[in-house]
Amino acid sequence: MRSAELFPIPRSALHTFMLRNAFKMKLKPGKVAEYKKRHDEIWPELAAELRAAGISDYSIFLDEETLTLFAVQKLNDNNSATTLPNLPIVRKWWDYMAPLMETHPDHAPVCGDLREVFHLD
């Protein structure tokens, strides 16, 4: 018996793939500990919305010398991540985080996209 017969893969899964998305943000001086604390206690309803939008394997790294945050996440191929800024829970999170980081007037974080130049699987 072939493995495909033992563990059938749904036809819809054959076309599923993940996109990697990376971006940077900037913390304000003296805000590292509070930023980490707030993310350690991320609101369950916000995490649920991120997952529902097709985001997984989401990490944020910090360059302590420059206070630059480097975020990387996986997006499924039918993600709705671009609609997240319209959700009240996301806007509430942005308001909550605004004192800690560089933001736009509406409290959306100032983000810069990062271009992938190397990847090793």
PDB file of N, CA and C in Angstrom:
ATOM      1  N   MET A   1       0.839  -1.172   0.000  1.00  0.00           N
ATOM      2  CA  MET A   1       0.000   0.000   0.000  1.00  0.00           C
ATOM      3  C   MET A   1       0.888   1.241   0.000  1.00  0.00           C
ATOM      4  N   ARG A   2       0.585   2.178  -0.854  1.00  0.00           N
ATOM      5  CA  ARG A   2       1.360   3.413  -0.934  1.00  0.00           C
ATOM      6  C   ARG A   2       0.992   4.347   0.210  1.00  0.00           C
ATOM      7  N   SER A   3       1.942   5.221   0.585  1.00  0.00           N
ATOM      8  CA  SER A   3       1.689   6.136   1.707  1.00  0.00           C
ATOM      9  C   SER A   3       0.521   7.074   1.421  1.00  0.00           C
ATOM     10  N   ALA A   4       0.294   7.414   0.165  1.00  0.00           N
ATOM     11  CA  ALA A   4      -0.822   8.295  -0.176  1.00  0.00           C
ATOM     12  C   ALA A   4      -2.160   7.639   0.151  1.00  0.00           C
ATOM     13  N   GLU A   5      -2.197   6.321   0.106  1.00  0.00           N
ATOM     14  CA  GLU A   5      -3.433   5.627   0.449  1.00  0.00           C
ATOM     15  C   GLU A   5      -3.605   5.540   1.967  1.00  0.00           C
ATOM     16  N   LEU A   6      -2.504   5.455   2.697  1.00  0.00           N
ATOM     17  CA  LEU A   6      -2.574   5.413   4.152  1.00  0.00           C
ATOM     18  C   LEU A   6      -2.931   6.772   4.739  1.00  0.00           C
ATOM     19  N   PHE A   7      -2.368   7.814   4.168  1.00  0.00           N
ATOM     20  CA  PHE A   7      -2.579   9.170   4.653  1.00  0.00           C
ATOM     21  C   PHE A   7      -3.013  10.049   3.486  1.00  0.00           C
ATOM     22  N   PRO A   8      -4.266   9.929   3.084  1.00  0.00           N
ATOM     23  CA  PRO A   8      -4.703  10.713   1.915  1.00  0.00           C
ATOM     24  C   PRO A   8      -4.615  12.212   2.186  1.00  0.00           C
ATOM     25  N   ILE A   9      -4.164  12.933   1.212  1.00  0.00           N
ATOM     26  CA  ILE A   9      -4.051  14.386   1.297  1.00  0.00           C
ATOM     27  C   ILE A   9      -5.244  14.983   0.562  1.00  0.00           C
ATOM     28  N   PRO A  10      -6.028  15.808   1.242  1.00  0.00           N
ATOM     29  CA  PRO A  10      -7.155  16.437   0.550  1.00  0.00           C
ATOM     30  C   PRO A  10      -6.666  17.208  -0.670  1.00  0.00           C
ATOM     31  N   ARG A  11      -7.408  17.135  -1.740  1.00  0.00           N
ATOM     32  CA  ARG A  11      -7.016  17.815  -2.976  1.00  0.00           C
ATOM     33  C   ARG A  11      -6.775  19.303  -2.731  1.00  0.00           C
ATOM     34  N   SER A  12      -7.575  19.921  -1.854  1.00  0.00           N
ATOM     35  CA  SER A  12      -7.395  21.353  -1.580  1.00  0.00           C
ATOM     36  C   SER A  12      -6.036  21.643  -0.941  1.00  0.00           C
ATOM     37  N   ALA A  13      -5.491  20.695  -0.202  1.00  0.00           N
ATOM     38  CA  ALA A  13      -4.191  20.899   0.455  1.00  0.00           C
ATOM     39  C   ALA A  13      -3.038  20.839  -0.530  1.00  0.00           C
ATOM     40  N   LEU A  14      -3.253  20.250  -1.670  1.00  0.00           N
ATOM     41  CA  LEU A  14      -2.178  20.144  -2.656  1.00  0.00           C
ATOM     42  C   LEU A  14      -1.772  21.517  -3.181  1.00  0.00           C
ATOM     43  N   HIS A  15      -2.667  22.476  -3.104  1.00  0.00           N
ATOM     44  CA  HIS A  15      -2.383  23.808  -3.646  1.00  0.00           C
ATOM     45  C   HIS A  15      -2.097  24.826  -2.554  1.00  0.00           C
ATOM     46  N   THR A  16      -2.033  24.385  -1.319  1.00  0.00           N
ATOM     47  CA  THR A  16      -1.774  25.298  -0.213  1.00  0.00           C
ATOM     48  C   THR A  16      -0.276  25.514  -0.066  1.00  0.00           C
ATOM     49  N   PHE A  17       0.112  26.752   0.120  1.00  0.00           N
ATOM     50  CA  PHE A  17       1.510  27.061   0.372  1.00  0.00           C
ATOM     51  C   PHE A  17       1.568  28.230   1.333  1.00  0.00           C
ATOM     52  N   MET A  18       2.720  28.455   1.875  1.00  0.00           N
ATOM     53  CA  MET A  18       2.902  29.546   2.821  1.00  0.00           C
ATOM     54  C   MET A  18       3.811  30.607   2.228  1.00  0.00           C
ATOM     55  N   LEU A  19       3.429  31.832   2.414  1.00  0.00           N
ATOM     56  CA  LEU A  19       4.263  32.971   2.062  1.00  0.00           C
ATOM     57  C   LEU A  19       4.938  33.441   3.339  1.00  0.00           C
ATOM     58  N   ARG A  20       6.181  33.830   3.267  1.00  0.00           N
ATOM     59  CA  ARG A  20       6.860  34.437   4.405  1.00  0.00           C
ATOM     60  C   ARG A  20       6.803  35.953   4.232  1.00  0.00           C
ATOM     61  N   ASN A  21       6.444  36.624   5.284  1.00  0.00           N
ATOM     62  CA  ASN A  21       6.346  38.074   5.269  1.00  0.00           C
ATOM     63  C   ASN A  21       7.231  38.614   6.392  1.00  0.00           C
ATOM     64  N   ALA A  22       8.064  39.582   6.082  1.00  0.00           N
ATOM     65  CA  ALA A  22       8.938  40.174   7.092  1.00  0.00           C
ATOM     66  C   ALA A  22       8.830  41.692   7.023  1.00  0.00           C
ATOM     67  N   PHE A  23       8.882  42.307   8.197  1.00  0.00           N
ATOM     68  CA  PHE A  23       8.817  43.765   8.256  1.00  0.00           C
ATOM     69  C   PHE A  23       9.517  44.240   9.526  1.00  0.00           C
ATOM     70  N   LYS A  24       9.804  45.538   9.572  1.00  0.00           N
ATOM     71  CA  LYS A  24      10.478  46.100  10.737  1.00  0.00           C
ATOM     72  C   LYS A  24       9.645  47.231  11.323  1.00  0.00           C
ATOM     73  N   MET A  25       9.838  47.429  12.627  1.00  0.00           N
ATOM     74  CA  MET A  25       9.186  48.501  13.370  1.00  0.00           C
ATOM     75  C   MET A  25      10.235  49.068  14.327  1.00  0.00           C
ATOM     76  N   LYS A  26       9.887  50.074  15.082  1.00  0.00           N
ATOM     77  CA  LYS A  26      10.877  50.717  15.957  1.00  0.00           C
ATOM     78  C   LYS A  26      10.266  50.995  17.328  1.00  0.00           C
ATOM     79  N   LEU A  27      11.003  50.579  18.370  1.00  0.00           N
ATOM     80  CA  LEU A  27      10.598  50.863  19.745  1.00  0.00           C
ATOM     81  C   LEU A  27      11.125  52.220  20.181  1.00  0.00           C
ATOM     82  N   LYS A  28      10.448  52.797  21.152  1.00  0.00           N
ATOM     83  CA  LYS A  28      10.934  54.023  21.786  1.00  0.00           C
ATOM     84  C   LYS A  28      11.930  53.622  22.878  1.00  0.00           C
ATOM     85  N   PRO A  29      12.902  54.489  23.171  1.00  0.00           N
ATOM     86  CA  PRO A  29      13.885  54.173  24.226  1.00  0.00           C
ATOM     87  C   PRO A  29      13.206  53.870  25.562  1.00  0.00           C
ATOM     88  N   GLY A  30      13.743  52.878  26.254  1.00  0.00           N
ATOM     89  CA  GLY A  30      13.246  52.517  27.574  1.00  0.00           C
ATOM     90  C   GLY A  30      11.968  51.695  27.585  1.00  0.00           C
ATOM     91  N   LYS A  31      11.522  51.223  26.444  1.00  0.00           N
ATOM     92  CA  LYS A  31      10.229  50.533  26.361  1.00  0.00           C
ATOM     93  C   LYS A  31      10.341  49.035  26.082  1.00  0.00           C
ATOM     94  N   VAL A  32      11.550  48.498  26.060  1.00  0.00           N
ATOM     95  CA  VAL A  32      11.743  47.081  25.704  1.00  0.00           C
ATOM     96  C   VAL A  32      10.997  46.149  26.654  1.00  0.00           C
ATOM     97  N   ALA A  33      11.196  46.323  27.946  1.00  0.00           N
ATOM     98  CA  ALA A  33      10.594  45.405  28.926  1.00  0.00           C
ATOM     99  C   ALA A  33       9.066  45.434  28.841  1.00  0.00           C
ATOM    100  N   GLU A  34       8.495  46.605  28.701  1.00  0.00           N
ATOM    101  CA  GLU A  34       7.030  46.700  28.630  1.00  0.00           C
ATOM    102  C   GLU A  34       6.504  46.110  27.321  1.00  0.00           C
ATOM    103  N   TYR A  35       7.224  46.325  26.232  1.00  0.00           N
ATOM    104  CA  TYR A  35       6.819  45.737  24.954  1.00  0.00           C
ATOM    105  C   TYR A  35       6.784  44.213  25.063  1.00  0.00           C
ATOM    106  N   LYS A  36       7.836  43.639  25.631  1.00  0.00           N
ATOM    107  CA  LYS A  36       7.897  42.182  25.805  1.00  0.00           C
ATOM    108  C   LYS A  36       6.771  41.703  26.708  1.00  0.00           C
ATOM    109  N   LYS A  37       6.545  42.393  27.820  1.00  0.00           N
ATOM    110  CA  LYS A  37       5.484  42.012  28.760  1.00  0.00           C
ATOM    111  C   LYS A  37       4.124  41.988  28.066  1.00  0.00           C
ATOM    112  N   ARG A  38       3.831  43.015  27.311  1.00  0.00           N
ATOM    113  CA  ARG A  38       2.524  43.085  26.643  1.00  0.00           C
ATOM    114  C   ARG A  38       2.362  41.972  25.612  1.00  0.00           C
ATOM    115  N   HIS A  39       3.432  41.623  24.934  1.00  0.00           N
ATOM    116  CA  HIS A  39       3.330  40.526  23.971  1.00  0.00           C
ATOM    117  C   HIS A  39       3.281  39.164  24.660  1.00  0.00           C
ATOM    118  N   ASP A  40       3.922  39.039  25.806  1.00  0.00           N
ATOM    119  CA  ASP A  40       3.812  37.800  26.580  1.00  0.00           C
ATOM    120  C   ASP A  40       2.376  37.575  27.037  1.00  0.00           C
ATOM    121  N   GLU A  41       1.632  38.665  27.161  1.00  0.00           N
ATOM    122  CA  GLU A  41       0.243  38.609  27.616  1.00  0.00           C
ATOM    123  C   GLU A  41      -0.724  38.983  26.489  1.00  0.00           C
ATOM    124  N   ILE A  42      -0.374  38.636  25.251  1.00  0.00           N
ATOM    125  CA  ILE A  42      -1.203  39.035  24.109  1.00  0.00           C
ATOM    126  C   ILE A  42      -2.653  38.617  24.335  1.00  0.00           C
ATOM    127  N   TRP A  43      -3.544  39.454  23.958  1.00  0.00           N
ATOM    128  CA  TRP A  43      -4.969  39.202  24.153  1.00  0.00           C
ATOM    129  C   TRP A  43      -5.396  37.996  23.322  1.00  0.00           C
ATOM    130  N   PRO A  44      -6.055  37.037  23.915  1.00  0.00           N
ATOM    131  CA  PRO A  44      -6.493  35.836  23.169  1.00  0.00           C
ATOM    132  C   PRO A  44      -7.346  36.178  21.956  1.00  0.00           C
ATOM    133  N   GLU A  45      -8.194  37.183  22.070  1.00  0.00           N
ATOM    134  CA  GLU A  45      -9.052  37.536  20.931  1.00  0.00           C
ATOM    135  C   GLU A  45      -8.242  38.126  19.778  1.00  0.00           C
ATOM    136  N   LEU A  46      -7.139  38.796  20.077  1.00  0.00           N
ATOM    137  CA  LEU A  46      -6.263  39.306  19.018  1.00  0.00           C
ATOM    138  C   LEU A  46      -5.527  38.147  18.355  1.00  0.00           C
ATOM    139  N   ALA A  47      -4.975  37.238  19.155  1.00  0.00           N
ATOM    140  CA  ALA A  47      -4.290  36.066  18.598  1.00  0.00           C
ATOM    141  C   ALA A  47      -5.235  35.256  17.719  1.00  0.00           C
ATOM    142  N   ALA A  48      -6.485  35.127  18.132  1.00  0.00           N
ATOM    143  CA  ALA A  48      -7.470  34.384  17.341  1.00  0.00           C
ATOM    144  C   ALA A  48      -7.713  35.062  15.992  1.00  0.00           C
ATOM    145  N   GLU A  49      -7.791  36.380  15.986  1.00  0.00           N
ATOM    146  CA  GLU A  49      -8.001  37.110  14.720  1.00  0.00           C
ATOM    147  C   GLU A  49      -6.793  36.968  13.793  1.00  0.00           C
ATOM    148  N   LEU A  50      -5.588  36.985  14.355  1.00  0.00           N
ATOM    149  CA  LEU A  50      -4.388  36.797  13.530  1.00  0.00           C
ATOM    150  C   LEU A  50      -4.422  35.416  12.867  1.00  0.00           C
ATOM    151  N   ARG A  51      -4.746  34.401  13.660  1.00  0.00           N
ATOM    152  CA  ARG A  51      -4.825  33.043  13.098  1.00  0.00           C
ATOM    153  C   ARG A  51      -5.928  32.943  12.051  1.00  0.00           C
ATOM    154  N   ALA A  52      -7.077  33.536  12.349  1.00  0.00           N
ATOM    155  CA  ALA A  52      -8.203  33.490  11.412  1.00  0.00           C
ATOM    156  C   ALA A  52      -7.867  34.180  10.089  1.00  0.00           C
ATOM    157  N   ALA A  53      -6.965  35.148  10.154  1.00  0.00           N
ATOM    158  CA  ALA A  53      -6.548  35.867   8.942  1.00  0.00           C
ATOM    159  C   ALA A  53      -5.509  35.094   8.144  1.00  0.00           C
ATOM    160  N   GLY A  54      -5.102  33.916   8.646  1.00  0.00           N
ATOM    161  CA  GLY A  54      -4.146  33.096   7.913  1.00  0.00           C
ATOM    162  C   GLY A  54      -2.701  33.317   8.295  1.00  0.00           C
ATOM    163  N   ILE A  55      -2.461  33.910   9.463  1.00  0.00           N
ATOM    164  CA  ILE A  55      -1.108  34.157   9.942  1.00  0.00           C
ATOM    165  C   ILE A  55      -0.706  33.041  10.899  1.00  0.00           C
ATOM    166  N   SER A  56       0.505  32.534  10.708  1.00  0.00           N
ATOM    167  CA  SER A  56       1.049  31.522  11.616  1.00  0.00           C
ATOM    168  C   SER A  56       2.548  31.736  11.756  1.00  0.00           C
ATOM    169  N   ASP A  57       3.134  31.015  12.682  1.00  0.00           N
ATOM    170  CA  ASP A  57       4.585  31.058  12.881  1.00  0.00           C
ATOM    171  C   ASP A  57       5.088  32.509  12.894  1.00  0.00           C
ATOM    172  N   TYR A  58       4.488  33.319  13.755  1.00  0.00           N
ATOM    173  CA  TYR A  58       4.743  34.761  13.830  1.00  0.00           C
ATOM    174  C   TYR A  58       5.731  35.025  14.964  1.00  0.00           C
ATOM    175  N   SER A  59       6.868  35.618  14.628  1.00  0.00           N
ATOM    176  CA  SER A  59       7.887  35.969  15.613  1.00  0.00           C
ATOM    177  C   SER A  59       8.295  37.418  15.432  1.00  0.00           C
ATOM    178  N   ILE A  60       8.670  38.043  16.553  1.00  0.00           N
ATOM    179  CA  ILE A  60       9.229  39.393  16.515  1.00  0.00           C
ATOM    180  C   ILE A  60      10.559  39.345  17.252  1.00  0.00           C
ATOM    181  N   PHE A  61      11.593  39.836  16.599  1.00  0.00           N
ATOM    182  CA  PHE A  61      12.944  39.877  17.163  1.00  0.00           C
ATOM    183  C   PHE A  61      13.316  41.332  17.411  1.00  0.00           C
ATOM    184  N   LEU A  62      14.248  41.551  18.334  1.00  0.00           N
ATOM    185  CA  LEU A  62      14.671  42.896  18.690  1.00  0.00           C
ATOM    186  C   LEU A  62      16.173  43.057  18.483  1.00  0.00           C
ATOM    187  N   ASP A  63      16.567  44.124  17.803  1.00  0.00           N
ATOM    188  CA  ASP A  63      17.960  44.555  17.755  1.00  0.00           C
ATOM    189  C   ASP A  63      18.097  45.594  18.866  1.00  0.00           C
ATOM    190  N   GLU A  64      18.700  45.208  19.975  1.00  0.00           N
ATOM    191  CA  GLU A  64      18.751  46.078  21.155  1.00  0.00           C
ATOM    192  C   GLU A  64      19.606  47.320  20.944  1.00  0.00           C
ATOM    193  N   GLU A  65      20.542  47.289  20.013  1.00  0.00           N
ATOM    194  CA  GLU A  65      21.376  48.469  19.748  1.00  0.00           C
ATOM    195  C   GLU A  65      20.580  49.584  19.083  1.00  0.00           C
ATOM    196  N   THR A  66      19.679  49.216  18.175  1.00  0.00           N
ATOM    197  CA  THR A  66      18.941  50.220  17.416  1.00  0.00           C
ATOM    198  C   THR A  66      17.473  50.312  17.810  1.00  0.00           C
ATOM    199  N   LEU A  67      17.009  49.396  18.668  1.00  0.00           N
ATOM    200  CA  LEU A  67      15.604  49.279  19.061  1.00  0.00           C
ATOM    201  C   LEU A  67      14.699  48.959  17.874  1.00  0.00           C
ATOM    202  N   THR A  68      15.299  48.358  16.846  1.00  0.00           N
ATOM    203  CA  THR A  68      14.525  47.933  15.691  1.00  0.00           C
ATOM    204  C   THR A  68      13.925  46.562  15.968  1.00  0.00           C
ATOM    205  N   LEU A  69      12.635  46.449  15.698  1.00  0.00           N
ATOM    206  CA  LEU A  69      11.925  45.183  15.795  1.00  0.00           C
ATOM    207  C   LEU A  69      11.872  44.566  14.408  1.00  0.00           C
ATOM    208  N   PHE A  70      12.174  43.296  14.317  1.00  0.00           N
ATOM    209  CA  PHE A  70      12.134  42.555  13.060  1.00  0.00           C
ATOM    210  C   PHE A  70      11.062  41.487  13.220  1.00  0.00           C
ATOM    211  N   ALA A  71      10.021  41.552  12.424  1.00  0.00           N
ATOM    212  CA  ALA A  71       8.919  40.594  12.510  1.00  0.00           C
ATOM    213  C   ALA A  71       8.918  39.702  11.282  1.00  0.00           C
ATOM    214  N   VAL A  72       8.625  38.443  11.501  1.00  0.00           N
ATOM    215  CA  VAL A  72       8.483  37.497  10.400  1.00  0.00           C
ATOM    216  C   VAL A  72       7.280  36.613  10.714  1.00  0.00           C
ATOM    217  N   GLN A  73       6.502  36.350   9.691  1.00  0.00           N
ATOM    218  CA  GLN A  73       5.293  35.553   9.849  1.00  0.00           C
ATOM    219  C   GLN A  73       5.050  34.761   8.577  1.00  0.00           C
ATOM    220  N   LYS A  74       4.311  33.692   8.719  1.00  0.00           N
ATOM    221  CA  LYS A  74       3.878  32.930   7.554  1.00  0.00           C
ATOM    222  C   LYS A  74       2.419  33.258   7.298  1.00  0.00           C
ATOM    223  N   LEU A  75       2.103  33.414   6.024  1.00  0.00           N
ATOM    224  CA  LEU A  75       0.742  33.698   5.590  1.00  0.00           C
ATOM    225  C   LEU A  75       0.291  32.568   4.673  1.00  0.00           C
ATOM    226  N   ASN A  76      -0.883  32.008   4.944  1.00  0.00           N
ATOM    227  CA  ASN A  76      -1.353  30.996   4.006  1.00  0.00           C
ATOM    228  C   ASN A  76      -1.784  31.670   2.709  1.00  0.00           C
ATOM    229  N   ASP A  77      -1.929  30.880   1.656  1.00  0.00           N
ATOM    230  CA  ASP A  77      -2.146  31.464   0.329  1.00  0.00           C
ATOM    231  C   ASP A  77      -3.499  32.156   0.184  1.00  0.00           C
ATOM    232  N   ASN A  78      -4.444  31.889   1.053  1.00  0.00           N
ATOM    233  CA  ASN A  78      -5.729  32.586   0.974  1.00  0.00           C
ATOM    234  C   ASN A  78      -5.929  33.460   2.220  1.00  0.00           C
ATOM    235  N   ASN A  79      -4.845  34.081   2.687  1.00  0.00           N
ATOM    236  CA  ASN A  79      -4.897  34.892   3.900  1.00  0.00           C
ATOM    237  C   ASN A  79      -5.693  36.178   3.678  1.00  0.00           C
ATOM    238  N   SER A  80      -6.145  36.736   4.779  1.00  0.00           N
ATOM    239  CA  SER A  80      -6.859  38.012   4.744  1.00  0.00           C
ATOM    240  C   SER A  80      -6.166  39.039   5.642  1.00  0.00           C
ATOM    241  N   ALA A  81      -4.845  38.933   5.734  1.00  0.00           N
ATOM    242  CA  ALA A  81      -4.068  39.798   6.629  1.00  0.00           C
ATOM    243  C   ALA A  81      -4.239  41.280   6.316  1.00  0.00           C
ATOM    244  N   THR A  82      -4.465  41.630   5.079  1.00  0.00           N
ATOM    245  CA  THR A  82      -4.603  43.048   4.729  1.00  0.00           C
ATOM    246  C   THR A  82      -5.877  43.669   5.301  1.00  0.00           C
ATOM    247  N   THR A  83      -6.827  42.845   5.738  1.00  0.00           N
ATOM    248  CA  THR A  83      -8.058  43.379   6.325  1.00  0.00           C
ATOM    249  C   THR A  83      -7.944  43.589   7.833  1.00  0.00           C
ATOM    250  N   LEU A  84      -6.882  43.091   8.449  1.00  0.00           N
ATOM    251  CA  LEU A  84      -6.728  43.208   9.901  1.00  0.00           C
ATOM    252  C   LEU A  84      -6.806  44.651  10.419  1.00  0.00           C
ATOM    253  N   PRO A  85      -6.215  45.641   9.751  1.00  0.00           N
ATOM    254  CA  PRO A  85      -6.292  47.013  10.273  1.00  0.00           C
ATOM    255  C   PRO A  85      -7.718  47.545  10.414  1.00  0.00           C
ATOM    256  N   ASN A  86      -8.683  46.895   9.782  1.00  0.00           N
ATOM    257  CA  ASN A  86     -10.077  47.331   9.869  1.00  0.00           C
ATOM    258  C   ASN A  86     -10.794  46.783  11.102  1.00  0.00           C
ATOM    259  N   LEU A  87     -10.167  45.841  11.810  1.00  0.00           N
ATOM    260  CA  LEU A  87     -10.823  45.205  12.949  1.00  0.00           C
ATOM    261  C   LEU A  87     -10.675  46.043  14.222  1.00  0.00           C
ATOM    262  N   PRO A  88     -11.751  46.199  14.982  1.00  0.00           N
ATOM    263  CA  PRO A  88     -11.672  46.970  16.226  1.00  0.00           C
ATOM    264  C   PRO A  88     -10.620  46.444  17.208  1.00  0.00           C
ATOM    265  N   ILE A  89     -10.437  45.132  17.311  1.00  0.00           N
ATOM    266  CA  ILE A  89      -9.458  44.587  18.260  1.00  0.00           C
ATOM    267  C   ILE A  89      -8.032  44.974  17.854  1.00  0.00           C
ATOM    268  N   VAL A  90      -7.766  45.044  16.562  1.00  0.00           N
ATOM    269  CA  VAL A  90      -6.440  45.461  16.080  1.00  0.00           C
ATOM    270  C   VAL A  90      -6.224  46.939  16.385  1.00  0.00           C
ATOM    271  N   ARG A  91      -7.232  47.755  16.151  1.00  0.00           N
ATOM    272  CA  ARG A  91      -7.116  49.193  16.439  1.00  0.00           C
ATOM    273  C   ARG A  91      -6.903  49.425  17.937  1.00  0.00           C
ATOM    274  N   LYS A  92      -7.614  48.638  18.754  1.00  0.00           N
ATOM    275  CA  LYS A  92      -7.456  48.737  20.211  1.00  0.00           C
ATOM    276  C   LYS A  92      -6.029  48.359  20.620  1.00  0.00           C
ATOM    277  N   TRP A  93      -5.463  47.302  20.010  1.00  0.00           N
ATOM    278  CA  TRP A  93      -4.080  46.887  20.293  1.00  0.00           C
ATOM    279  C   TRP A  93      -3.104  47.987  19.895  1.00  0.00           C
ATOM    280  N   TRP A  94      -3.327  48.567  18.722  1.00  0.00           N
ATOM    281  CA  TRP A  94      -2.451  49.655  18.289  1.00  0.00           C
ATOM    282  C   TRP A  94      -2.473  50.813  19.290  1.00  0.00           C
ATOM    283  N   ASP A  95      -3.662  51.184  19.771  1.00  0.00           N
ATOM    284  CA  ASP A  95      -3.766  52.252  20.767  1.00  0.00           C
ATOM    285  C   ASP A  95      -2.995  51.881  22.034  1.00  0.00           C
ATOM    286  N   TYR A  96      -3.101  50.628  22.429  1.00  0.00           N
ATOM    287  CA  TYR A  96      -2.439  50.115  23.626  1.00  0.00           C
ATOM    288  C   TYR A  96      -0.914  50.145  23.480  1.00  0.00           C
ATOM    289  N   MET A  97      -0.423  49.848  22.279  1.00  0.00           N
ATOM    290  CA  MET A  97       1.012  49.774  22.032  1.00  0.00           C
ATOM    291  C   MET A  97       1.639  51.116  21.627  1.00  0.00           C
ATOM    292  N   ALA A  98       0.839  52.092  21.254  1.00  0.00           N
ATOM    293  CA  ALA A  98       1.358  53.367  20.744  1.00  0.00           C
ATOM    294  C   ALA A  98       2.354  54.061  21.668  1.00  0.00           C
ATOM    295  N   PRO A  99       2.190  54.021  22.982  1.00  0.00           N
ATOM    296  CA  PRO A  99       3.188  54.698  23.831  1.00  0.00           C
ATOM    297  C   PRO A  99       4.577  54.056  23.793  1.00  0.00           C
ATOM    298  N   LEU A 100       4.664  52.848  23.249  1.00  0.00           N
ATOM    299  CA  LEU A 100       5.921  52.096  23.286  1.00  0.00           C
ATOM    300  C   LEU A 100       6.721  52.151  21.987  1.00  0.00           C
ATOM    301  N   MET A 101       6.085  52.545  20.904  1.00  0.00           N
ATOM    302  CA  MET A 101       6.757  52.433  19.604  1.00  0.00           C
ATOM    303  C   MET A 101       6.399  53.577  18.684  1.00  0.00           C
ATOM    304  N   GLU A 102       7.159  53.686  17.611  1.00  0.00           N
ATOM    305  CA  GLU A 102       6.878  54.709  16.611  1.00  0.00           C
ATOM    306  C   GLU A 102       5.591  54.333  15.879  1.00  0.00           C
ATOM    307  N   THR A 103       4.672  55.311  15.783  1.00  0.00           N
ATOM    308  CA  THR A 103       3.386  55.054  15.137  1.00  0.00           C
ATOM    309  C   THR A 103       3.009  56.217  14.222  1.00  0.00           C
ATOM    310  N   HIS A 104       2.028  55.933  13.395  1.00  0.00           N
ATOM    311  CA  HIS A 104       1.394  56.974  12.589  1.00  0.00           C
ATOM    312  C   HIS A 104       0.366  57.690  13.478  1.00  0.00           C
ATOM    313  N   PRO A 105      -0.200  58.807  13.039  1.00  0.00           N
ATOM    314  CA  PRO A 105      -1.192  59.514  13.857  1.00  0.00           C
ATOM    315  C   PRO A 105      -2.388  58.643  14.293  1.00  0.00           C
ATOM    316  N   ASP A 106      -2.746  57.626  13.492  1.00  0.00           N
ATOM    317  CA  ASP A 106      -3.864  56.747  13.876  1.00  0.00           C
ATOM    318  C   ASP A 106      -3.413  55.589  14.770  1.00  0.00           C
ATOM    319  N   HIS A 107      -2.150  55.631  15.210  1.00  0.00           N
ATOM    320  CA  HIS A 107      -1.510  54.643  16.082  1.00  0.00           C
ATOM    321  C   HIS A 107      -1.122  53.351  15.387  1.00  0.00           C
ATOM    322  N   ALA A 108      -1.304  53.259  14.086  1.00  0.00           N
ATOM    323  CA  ALA A 108      -0.763  52.111  13.344  1.00  0.00           C
ATOM    324  C   ALA A 108       0.751  52.168  13.458  1.00  0.00           C
ATOM    325  N   PRO A 109       1.400  51.036  13.710  1.00  0.00           N
ATOM    326  CA  PRO A 109       2.862  51.071  13.809  1.00  0.00           C
ATOM    327  C   PRO A 109       3.499  51.504  12.490  1.00  0.00           C
ATOM    328  N   VAL A 110       4.570  52.260  12.600  1.00  0.00           N
ATOM    329  CA  VAL A 110       5.349  52.587  11.415  1.00  0.00           C
ATOM    330  C   VAL A 110       6.103  51.306  11.048  1.00  0.00           C
ATOM    331  N   CYS A 111       5.806  50.763   9.881  1.00  0.00           N
ATOM    332  CA  CYS A 111       6.402  49.493   9.429  1.00  0.00           C
ATOM    333  C   CYS A 111       7.148  49.714   8.125  1.00  0.00           C
ATOM    334  N   GLY A 112       8.199  48.976   7.959  1.00  0.00           N
ATOM    335  CA  GLY A 112       8.916  48.954   6.700  1.00  0.00           C
ATOM    336  C   GLY A 112       9.044  47.516   6.237  1.00  0.00           C
ATOM    337  N   ASP A 113       8.621  47.253   5.012  1.00  0.00           N
ATOM    338  CA  ASP A 113       8.743  45.903   4.470  1.00  0.00           C
ATOM    339  C   ASP A 113      10.209  45.545   4.290  1.00  0.00           C
ATOM    340  N   LEU A 114      10.514  44.291   4.470  1.00  0.00           N
ATOM    341  CA  LEU A 114      11.863  43.783   4.266  1.00  0.00           C
ATOM    342  C   LEU A 114      11.845  42.799   3.102  1.00  0.00           C
ATOM    343  N   ARG A 115      12.823  42.927   2.227  1.00  0.00           N
ATOM    344  CA  ARG A 115      12.925  42.071   1.052  1.00  0.00           C
ATOM    345  C   ARG A 115      13.800  40.870   1.382  1.00  0.00           C
ATOM    346  N   GLU A 116      13.304  39.704   1.065  1.00  0.00           N
ATOM    347  CA  GLU A 116      14.085  38.490   1.300  1.00  0.00           C
ATOM    348  C   GLU A 116      15.234  38.411   0.291  1.00  0.00           C
ATOM    349  N   VAL A 117      16.429  38.200   0.784  1.00  0.00           N
ATOM    350  CA  VAL A 117      17.586  38.066  -0.091  1.00  0.00           C
ATOM    351  C   VAL A 117      18.239  36.693   0.029  1.00  0.00           C
ATOM    352  N   PHE A 118      17.814  35.888   1.010  1.00  0.00           N
ATOM    353  CA  PHE A 118      18.330  34.526   1.166  1.00  0.00           C
ATOM    354  C   PHE A 118      17.351  33.735   2.004  1.00  0.00           C
ATOM    355  N   HIS A 119      17.223  32.448   1.668  1.00  0.00           N
ATOM    356  CA  HIS A 119      16.400  31.531   2.452  1.00  0.00           C
ATOM    357  C   HIS A 119      16.987  30.125   2.308  1.00  0.00           C
ATOM    358  N   LEU A 120      17.055  29.414   3.402  1.00  0.00           N
ATOM    359  CA  LEU A 120      17.499  28.032   3.409  1.00  0.00           C
ATOM    360  C   LEU A 120      16.452  27.209   4.138  1.00  0.00           C
ATOM    361  N   ASP A 121      15.895  26.236   3.453  1.00  0.00           N
ATOM    362  CA  ASP A 121      14.927  25.332   4.083  1.00  0.00           C
ATOM    363  C   ASP A 121      15.631  24.187   4.731  1.00  0.00           C
TER     364      ASP A 121
END
